[in-house]
Amino acid sequence: MADPSGVKWVRLRYRSVSQREDYQTLPMQPTGEKDTYQAVVPGEQTVPQWDFMYLIAVMDNAGNGRVFPEVS
């Protein structure tokens, strides 16, 4: 992720595809590589019987936000 005003934060929102679960949120940390962030989901928070669903939310230092992938 990159932005001319600078990235304020990047968050991973995730859950199993089961609609009965709420999204969990983890902060994504810079990896040291330019514009690259990562987060590690604890294995005990994944359920093998369901597919894994995630979104990445980003906020820049100017207060602009975006979610990937975009939900239409």
PDB file of N, CA and C in Angstrom:
ATOM      1  N   MET A   1       0.842  -1.169   0.000  1.00  0.00           N
ATOM      2  CA  MET A   1       0.000   0.000   0.000  1.00  0.00           C
ATOM      3  C   MET A   1       0.894   1.241   0.000  1.00  0.00           C
ATOM      4  N   ALA A   2       0.509   2.215  -0.768  1.00  0.00           N
ATOM      5  CA  ALA A   2       1.273   3.459  -0.828  1.00  0.00           C
ATOM      6  C   ALA A   2       0.299   4.627  -0.968  1.00  0.00           C
ATOM      7  N   ASP A   3       0.689   5.774  -0.456  1.00  0.00           N
ATOM      8  CA  ASP A   3      -0.119   6.974  -0.578  1.00  0.00           C
ATOM      9  C   ASP A   3       0.806   8.169  -0.442  1.00  0.00           C
ATOM     10  N   PRO A   4       0.604   9.230  -1.252  1.00  0.00           N
ATOM     11  CA  PRO A   4       1.478  10.397  -1.163  1.00  0.00           C
ATOM     12  C   PRO A   4       1.482  11.039   0.225  1.00  0.00           C
ATOM     13  N   SER A   5       0.359  10.977   0.952  1.00  0.00           N
ATOM     14  CA  SER A   5       0.305  11.575   2.290  1.00  0.00           C
ATOM     15  C   SER A   5       0.841  10.634   3.368  1.00  0.00           C
ATOM     16  N   GLY A   6       1.154   9.411   2.999  1.00  0.00           N
ATOM     17  CA  GLY A   6       1.668   8.426   3.951  1.00  0.00           C
ATOM     18  C   GLY A   6       0.552   7.542   4.482  1.00  0.00           C
ATOM     19  N   VAL A   7       0.859   6.305   4.726  1.00  0.00           N
ATOM     20  CA  VAL A   7      -0.100   5.346   5.243  1.00  0.00           C
ATOM     21  C   VAL A   7      -0.152   5.472   6.759  1.00  0.00           C
ATOM     22  N   LYS A   8      -1.339   5.704   7.292  1.00  0.00           N
ATOM     23  CA  LYS A   8      -1.518   5.812   8.744  1.00  0.00           C
ATOM     24  C   LYS A   8      -1.621   4.422   9.372  1.00  0.00           C
ATOM     25  N   TRP A   9      -2.471   3.570   8.799  1.00  0.00           N
ATOM     26  CA  TRP A   9      -2.579   2.192   9.273  1.00  0.00           C
ATOM     27  C   TRP A   9      -3.150   1.289   8.188  1.00  0.00           C
ATOM     28  N   VAL A  10      -2.866  -0.009   8.349  1.00  0.00           N
ATOM     29  CA  VAL A  10      -3.403  -1.049   7.477  1.00  0.00           C
ATOM     30  C   VAL A  10      -3.902  -2.148   8.407  1.00  0.00           C
ATOM     31  N   ARG A  11      -5.127  -2.622   8.171  1.00  0.00           N
ATOM     32  CA  ARG A  11      -5.717  -3.649   9.036  1.00  0.00           C
ATOM     33  C   ARG A  11      -6.272  -4.795   8.197  1.00  0.00           C
ATOM     34  N   LEU A  12      -6.104  -5.991   8.712  1.00  0.00           N
ATOM     35  CA  LEU A  12      -6.681  -7.183   8.108  1.00  0.00           C
ATOM     36  C   LEU A  12      -7.963  -7.507   8.859  1.00  0.00           C
ATOM     37  N   ARG A  13      -9.086  -7.627   8.128  1.00  0.00           N
ATOM     38  CA  ARG A  13     -10.371  -8.043   8.707  1.00  0.00           C
ATOM     39  C   ARG A  13     -10.640  -9.424   8.137  1.00  0.00           C
ATOM     40  N   TYR A  14     -10.934 -10.398   8.980  1.00  0.00           N
ATOM     41  CA  TYR A  14     -11.072 -11.768   8.496  1.00  0.00           C
ATOM     42  C   TYR A  14     -12.109 -12.549   9.302  1.00  0.00           C
ATOM     43  N   ARG A  15     -12.604 -13.609   8.678  1.00  0.00           N
ATOM     44  CA  ARG A  15     -13.508 -14.557   9.329  1.00  0.00           C
ATOM     45  C   ARG A  15     -13.681 -15.759   8.419  1.00  0.00           C
ATOM     46  N   SER A  16     -14.295 -16.795   8.950  1.00  0.00           N
ATOM     47  CA  SER A  16     -14.707 -17.909   8.106  1.00  0.00           C
ATOM     48  C   SER A  16     -15.910 -17.445   7.296  1.00  0.00           C
ATOM     49  N   VAL A  17     -16.210 -18.127   6.215  1.00  0.00           N
ATOM     50  CA  VAL A  17     -17.325 -17.726   5.378  1.00  0.00           C
ATOM     51  C   VAL A  17     -18.663 -17.942   6.098  1.00  0.00           C
ATOM     52  N   SER A  18     -18.671 -18.658   7.193  1.00  0.00           N
ATOM     53  CA  SER A  18     -19.883 -18.805   8.010  1.00  0.00           C
ATOM     54  C   SER A  18     -20.374 -17.424   8.438  1.00  0.00           C
ATOM     55  N   GLN A  19     -21.604 -17.076   8.071  1.00  0.00           N
ATOM     56  CA  GLN A  19     -22.136 -15.748   8.365  1.00  0.00           C
ATOM     57  C   GLN A  19     -22.451 -15.553   9.841  1.00  0.00           C
ATOM     58  N   ARG A  20     -22.304 -16.565  10.631  1.00  0.00           N
ATOM     59  CA  ARG A  20     -22.571 -16.449  12.068  1.00  0.00           C
ATOM     60  C   ARG A  20     -21.392 -15.862  12.825  1.00  0.00           C
ATOM     61  N   GLU A  21     -20.272 -15.706  12.158  1.00  0.00           N
ATOM     62  CA  GLU A  21     -19.074 -15.184  12.800  1.00  0.00           C
ATOM     63  C   GLU A  21     -18.903 -13.700  12.522  1.00  0.00           C
ATOM     64  N   ASP A  22     -18.397 -12.973  13.512  1.00  0.00           N
ATOM     65  CA  ASP A  22     -18.028 -11.574  13.323  1.00  0.00           C
ATOM     66  C   ASP A  22     -16.622 -11.521  12.745  1.00  0.00           C
ATOM     67  N   TYR A  23     -16.325 -10.427  12.065  1.00  0.00           N
ATOM     68  CA  TYR A  23     -14.954 -10.230  11.583  1.00  0.00           C
ATOM     69  C   TYR A  23     -14.025  -9.990  12.765  1.00  0.00           C
ATOM     70  N   GLN A  24     -12.846 -10.546  12.687  1.00  0.00           N
ATOM     71  CA  GLN A  24     -11.758 -10.264  13.616  1.00  0.00           C
ATOM     72  C   GLN A  24     -10.853  -9.247  12.911  1.00  0.00           C
ATOM     73  N   THR A  25     -10.100  -8.483  13.681  1.00  0.00           N
ATOM     74  CA  THR A  25      -9.215  -7.467  13.093  1.00  0.00           C
ATOM     75  C   THR A  25      -7.807  -7.614  13.643  1.00  0.00           C
ATOM     76  N   LEU A  26      -6.844  -7.572  12.750  1.00  0.00           N
ATOM     77  CA  LEU A  26      -5.427  -7.568  13.119  1.00  0.00           C
ATOM     78  C   LEU A  26      -4.749  -6.373  12.457  1.00  0.00           C
ATOM     79  N   PRO A  27      -3.892  -5.659  13.192  1.00  0.00           N
ATOM     80  CA  PRO A  27      -3.105  -4.612  12.533  1.00  0.00           C
ATOM     81  C   PRO A  27      -2.073  -5.272  11.620  1.00  0.00           C
ATOM     82  N   MET A  28      -1.878  -4.704  10.448  1.00  0.00           N
ATOM     83  CA  MET A  28      -0.847  -5.194   9.542  1.00  0.00           C
ATOM     84  C   MET A  28       0.395  -4.326   9.753  1.00  0.00           C
ATOM     85  N   GLN A  29       1.532  -4.968   9.832  1.00  0.00           N
ATOM     86  CA  GLN A  29       2.792  -4.285  10.115  1.00  0.00           C
ATOM     87  C   GLN A  29       3.646  -4.192   8.863  1.00  0.00           C
ATOM     88  N   PRO A  30       4.425  -3.109   8.731  1.00  0.00           N
ATOM     89  CA  PRO A  30       5.358  -3.017   7.597  1.00  0.00           C
ATOM     90  C   PRO A  30       6.363  -4.165   7.641  1.00  0.00           C
ATOM     91  N   THR A  31       6.703  -4.703   6.479  1.00  0.00           N
ATOM     92  CA  THR A  31       7.643  -5.821   6.416  1.00  0.00           C
ATOM     93  C   THR A  31       9.092  -5.364   6.301  1.00  0.00           C
ATOM     94  N   GLY A  32       9.282  -4.082   5.996  1.00  0.00           N
ATOM     95  CA  GLY A  32      10.621  -3.593   5.708  1.00  0.00           C
ATOM     96  C   GLY A  32      10.844  -3.427   4.219  1.00  0.00           C
ATOM     97  N   GLU A  33       9.979  -4.053   3.416  1.00  0.00           N
ATOM     98  CA  GLU A  33      10.009  -3.855   1.973  1.00  0.00           C
ATOM     99  C   GLU A  33       9.068  -2.701   1.638  1.00  0.00           C
ATOM    100  N   LYS A  34       9.415  -1.918   0.659  1.00  0.00           N
ATOM    101  CA  LYS A  34       8.631  -0.739   0.284  1.00  0.00           C
ATOM    102  C   LYS A  34       7.161  -1.090   0.039  1.00  0.00           C
ATOM    103  N   ASP A  35       6.267  -0.371   0.738  1.00  0.00           N
ATOM    104  CA  ASP A  35       4.822  -0.469   0.555  1.00  0.00           C
ATOM    105  C   ASP A  35       4.264  -1.876   0.767  1.00  0.00           C
ATOM    106  N   THR A  36       4.889  -2.652   1.628  1.00  0.00           N
ATOM    107  CA  THR A  36       4.448  -4.025   1.875  1.00  0.00           C
ATOM    108  C   THR A  36       4.168  -4.225   3.359  1.00  0.00           C
ATOM    109  N   TYR A  37       2.985  -4.790   3.655  1.00  0.00           N
ATOM    110  CA  TYR A  37       2.542  -5.012   5.033  1.00  0.00           C
ATOM    111  C   TYR A  37       2.142  -6.467   5.202  1.00  0.00           C
ATOM    112  N   GLN A  38       2.147  -6.946   6.452  1.00  0.00           N
ATOM    113  CA  GLN A  38       1.755  -8.327   6.703  1.00  0.00           C
ATOM    114  C   GLN A  38       1.072  -8.467   8.055  1.00  0.00           C
ATOM    115  N   ALA A  39       0.294  -9.521   8.174  1.00  0.00           N
ATOM    116  CA  ALA A  39      -0.317  -9.915   9.440  1.00  0.00           C
ATOM    117  C   ALA A  39      -0.380 -11.434   9.426  1.00  0.00           C
ATOM    118  N   VAL A  40      -0.339 -12.038  10.590  1.00  0.00           N
ATOM    119  CA  VAL A  40      -0.413 -13.487  10.705  1.00  0.00           C
ATOM    120  C   VAL A  40      -1.665 -13.840  11.503  1.00  0.00           C
ATOM    121  N   VAL A  41      -2.557 -14.599  10.878  1.00  0.00           N
ATOM    122  CA  VAL A  41      -3.770 -15.045  11.545  1.00  0.00           C
ATOM    123  C   VAL A  41      -3.425 -16.304  12.345  1.00  0.00           C
ATOM    124  N   PRO A  42      -3.700 -16.296  13.657  1.00  0.00           N
ATOM    125  CA  PRO A  42      -3.428 -17.494  14.456  1.00  0.00           C
ATOM    126  C   PRO A  42      -4.213 -18.698  13.919  1.00  0.00           C
ATOM    127  N   GLY A  43      -3.547 -19.821  13.798  1.00  0.00           N
ATOM    128  CA  GLY A  43      -4.164 -21.022  13.245  1.00  0.00           C
ATOM    129  C   GLY A  43      -5.430 -21.440  13.966  1.00  0.00           C
ATOM    130  N   GLU A  44      -5.488 -21.216  15.274  1.00  0.00           N
ATOM    131  CA  GLU A  44      -6.671 -21.622  16.032  1.00  0.00           C
ATOM    132  C   GLU A  44      -7.891 -20.754  15.709  1.00  0.00           C
ATOM    133  N   GLN A  45      -7.686 -19.657  14.972  1.00  0.00           N
ATOM    134  CA  GLN A  45      -8.798 -18.800  14.584  1.00  0.00           C
ATOM    135  C   GLN A  45      -9.312 -19.115  13.177  1.00  0.00           C
ATOM    136  N   THR A  46      -8.820 -20.180  12.585  1.00  0.00           N
ATOM    137  CA  THR A  46      -9.331 -20.623  11.292  1.00  0.00           C
ATOM    138  C   THR A  46     -10.093 -21.927  11.507  1.00  0.00           C
ATOM    139  N   VAL A  47     -11.157 -22.109  10.748  1.00  0.00           N
ATOM    140  CA  VAL A  47     -11.987 -23.302  10.866  1.00  0.00           C
ATOM    141  C   VAL A  47     -11.884 -24.070   9.549  1.00  0.00           C
ATOM    142  N   PRO A  48     -11.269 -25.261   9.567  1.00  0.00           N
ATOM    143  CA  PRO A  48     -11.028 -25.990   8.319  1.00  0.00           C
ATOM    144  C   PRO A  48     -12.288 -26.288   7.500  1.00  0.00           C
ATOM    145  N   GLN A  49     -13.444 -26.416   8.132  1.00  0.00           N
ATOM    146  CA  GLN A  49     -14.653 -26.759   7.382  1.00  0.00           C
ATOM    147  C   GLN A  49     -15.205 -25.580   6.572  1.00  0.00           C
ATOM    148  N   TRP A  50     -14.736 -24.357   6.838  1.00  0.00           N
ATOM    149  CA  TRP A  50     -15.220 -23.174   6.133  1.00  0.00           C
ATOM    150  C   TRP A  50     -14.087 -22.512   5.357  1.00  0.00           C
ATOM    151  N   ASP A  51     -14.418 -21.908   4.231  1.00  0.00           N
ATOM    152  CA  ASP A  51     -13.434 -21.109   3.501  1.00  0.00           C
ATOM    153  C   ASP A  51     -13.068 -19.886   4.331  1.00  0.00           C
ATOM    154  N   PHE A  52     -11.926 -19.320   4.037  1.00  0.00           N
ATOM    155  CA  PHE A  52     -11.399 -18.155   4.751  1.00  0.00           C
ATOM    156  C   PHE A  52     -11.711 -16.902   3.941  1.00  0.00           C
ATOM    157  N   MET A  53     -12.243 -15.877   4.592  1.00  0.00           N
ATOM    158  CA  MET A  53     -12.632 -14.636   3.926  1.00  0.00           C
ATOM    159  C   MET A  53     -11.872 -13.485   4.571  1.00  0.00           C
ATOM    160  N   TYR A  54     -11.363 -12.551   3.772  1.00  0.00           N
ATOM    161  CA  TYR A  54     -10.652 -11.422   4.365  1.00  0.00           C
ATOM    162  C   TYR A  54     -10.805 -10.155   3.537  1.00  0.00           C
ATOM    163  N   LEU A  55     -10.622  -9.029   4.206  1.00  0.00           N
ATOM    164  CA  LEU A  55     -10.612  -7.708   3.604  1.00  0.00           C
ATOM    165  C   LEU A  55      -9.404  -6.970   4.161  1.00  0.00           C
ATOM    166  N   ILE A  56      -8.871  -6.040   3.411  1.00  0.00           N
ATOM    167  CA  ILE A  56      -7.782  -5.202   3.904  1.00  0.00           C
ATOM    168  C   ILE A  56      -8.291  -3.764   3.932  1.00  0.00           C
ATOM    169  N   ALA A  57      -8.240  -3.151   5.093  1.00  0.00           N
ATOM    170  CA  ALA A  57      -8.669  -1.760   5.266  1.00  0.00           C
ATOM    171  C   ALA A  57      -7.436  -0.896   5.451  1.00  0.00           C
ATOM    172  N   VAL A  58      -7.411   0.247   4.767  1.00  0.00           N
ATOM    173  CA  VAL A  58      -6.250   1.144   4.787  1.00  0.00           C
ATOM    174  C   VAL A  58      -6.720   2.569   5.063  1.00  0.00           C
ATOM    175  N   MET A  59      -5.969   3.302   5.889  1.00  0.00           N
ATOM    176  CA  MET A  59      -6.242   4.722   6.143  1.00  0.00           C
ATOM    177  C   MET A  59      -4.950   5.484   5.918  1.00  0.00           C
ATOM    178  N   ASP A  60      -5.033   6.611   5.180  1.00  0.00           N
ATOM    179  CA  ASP A  60      -3.835   7.424   4.989  1.00  0.00           C
ATOM    180  C   ASP A  60      -3.798   8.550   6.021  1.00  0.00           C
ATOM    181  N   ASN A  61      -2.716   9.293   6.047  1.00  0.00           N
ATOM    182  CA  ASN A  61      -2.541  10.369   7.035  1.00  0.00           C
ATOM    183  C   ASN A  61      -3.447  11.568   6.778  1.00  0.00           C
ATOM    184  N   ALA A  62      -4.128  11.604   5.631  1.00  0.00           N
ATOM    185  CA  ALA A  62      -5.068  12.680   5.326  1.00  0.00           C
ATOM    186  C   ALA A  62      -6.500  12.292   5.703  1.00  0.00           C
ATOM    187  N   GLY A  63      -6.681  11.084   6.263  1.00  0.00           N
ATOM    188  CA  GLY A  63      -8.004  10.638   6.676  1.00  0.00           C
ATOM    189  C   GLY A  63      -8.810   9.943   5.595  1.00  0.00           C
ATOM    190  N   ASN A  64      -8.185   9.605   4.481  1.00  0.00           N
ATOM    191  CA  ASN A  64      -8.860   8.873   3.411  1.00  0.00           C
ATOM    192  C   ASN A  64      -8.706   7.380   3.644  1.00  0.00           C
ATOM    193  N   GLY A  65      -9.790   6.652   3.494  1.00  0.00           N
ATOM    194  CA  GLY A  65      -9.743   5.205   3.708  1.00  0.00           C
ATOM    195  C   GLY A  65     -10.213   4.439   2.500  1.00  0.00           C
ATOM    196  N   ARG A  66      -9.867   3.160   2.495  1.00  0.00           N
ATOM    197  CA  ARG A  66     -10.258   2.292   1.398  1.00  0.00           C
ATOM    198  C   ARG A  66     -10.270   0.862   1.905  1.00  0.00           C
ATOM    199  N   VAL A  67     -11.123   0.039   1.320  1.00  0.00           N
ATOM    200  CA  VAL A  67     -11.194  -1.381   1.650  1.00  0.00           C
ATOM    201  C   VAL A  67     -10.946  -2.169   0.370  1.00  0.00           C
ATOM    202  N   PHE A  68     -10.125  -3.211   0.466  1.00  0.00           N
ATOM    203  CA  PHE A  68      -9.826  -4.086  -0.664  1.00  0.00           C
ATOM    204  C   PHE A  68     -10.216  -5.499  -0.296  1.00  0.00           C
ATOM    205  N   PRO A  69     -10.851  -6.298  -1.073  1.00  0.00           N
ATOM    206  CA  PRO A  69     -11.440  -5.846  -2.321  1.00  0.00           C
ATOM    207  C   PRO A  69     -12.663  -4.984  -2.039  1.00  0.00           C
ATOM    208  N   GLU A  70     -12.994  -4.127  -2.986  1.00  0.00           N
ATOM    209  CA  GLU A  70     -14.152  -3.263  -2.826  1.00  0.00           C
ATOM    210  C   GLU A  70     -15.414  -4.117  -2.838  1.00  0.00           C
ATOM    211  N   VAL A  71     -16.328  -3.805  -1.945  1.00  0.00           N
ATOM    212  CA  VAL A  71     -17.597  -4.520  -1.887  1.00  0.00           C
ATOM    213  C   VAL A  71     -18.623  -3.700  -2.652  1.00  0.00           C
ATOM    214  N   SER A  72     -19.284  -4.326  -3.602  1.00  0.00           N
ATOM    215  CA  SER A  72     -20.272  -3.586  -4.391  1.00  0.00           C
ATOM    216  C   SER A  72     -21.678  -4.007  -4.058  1.00  0.00           C
TER     217      SER A  72
END
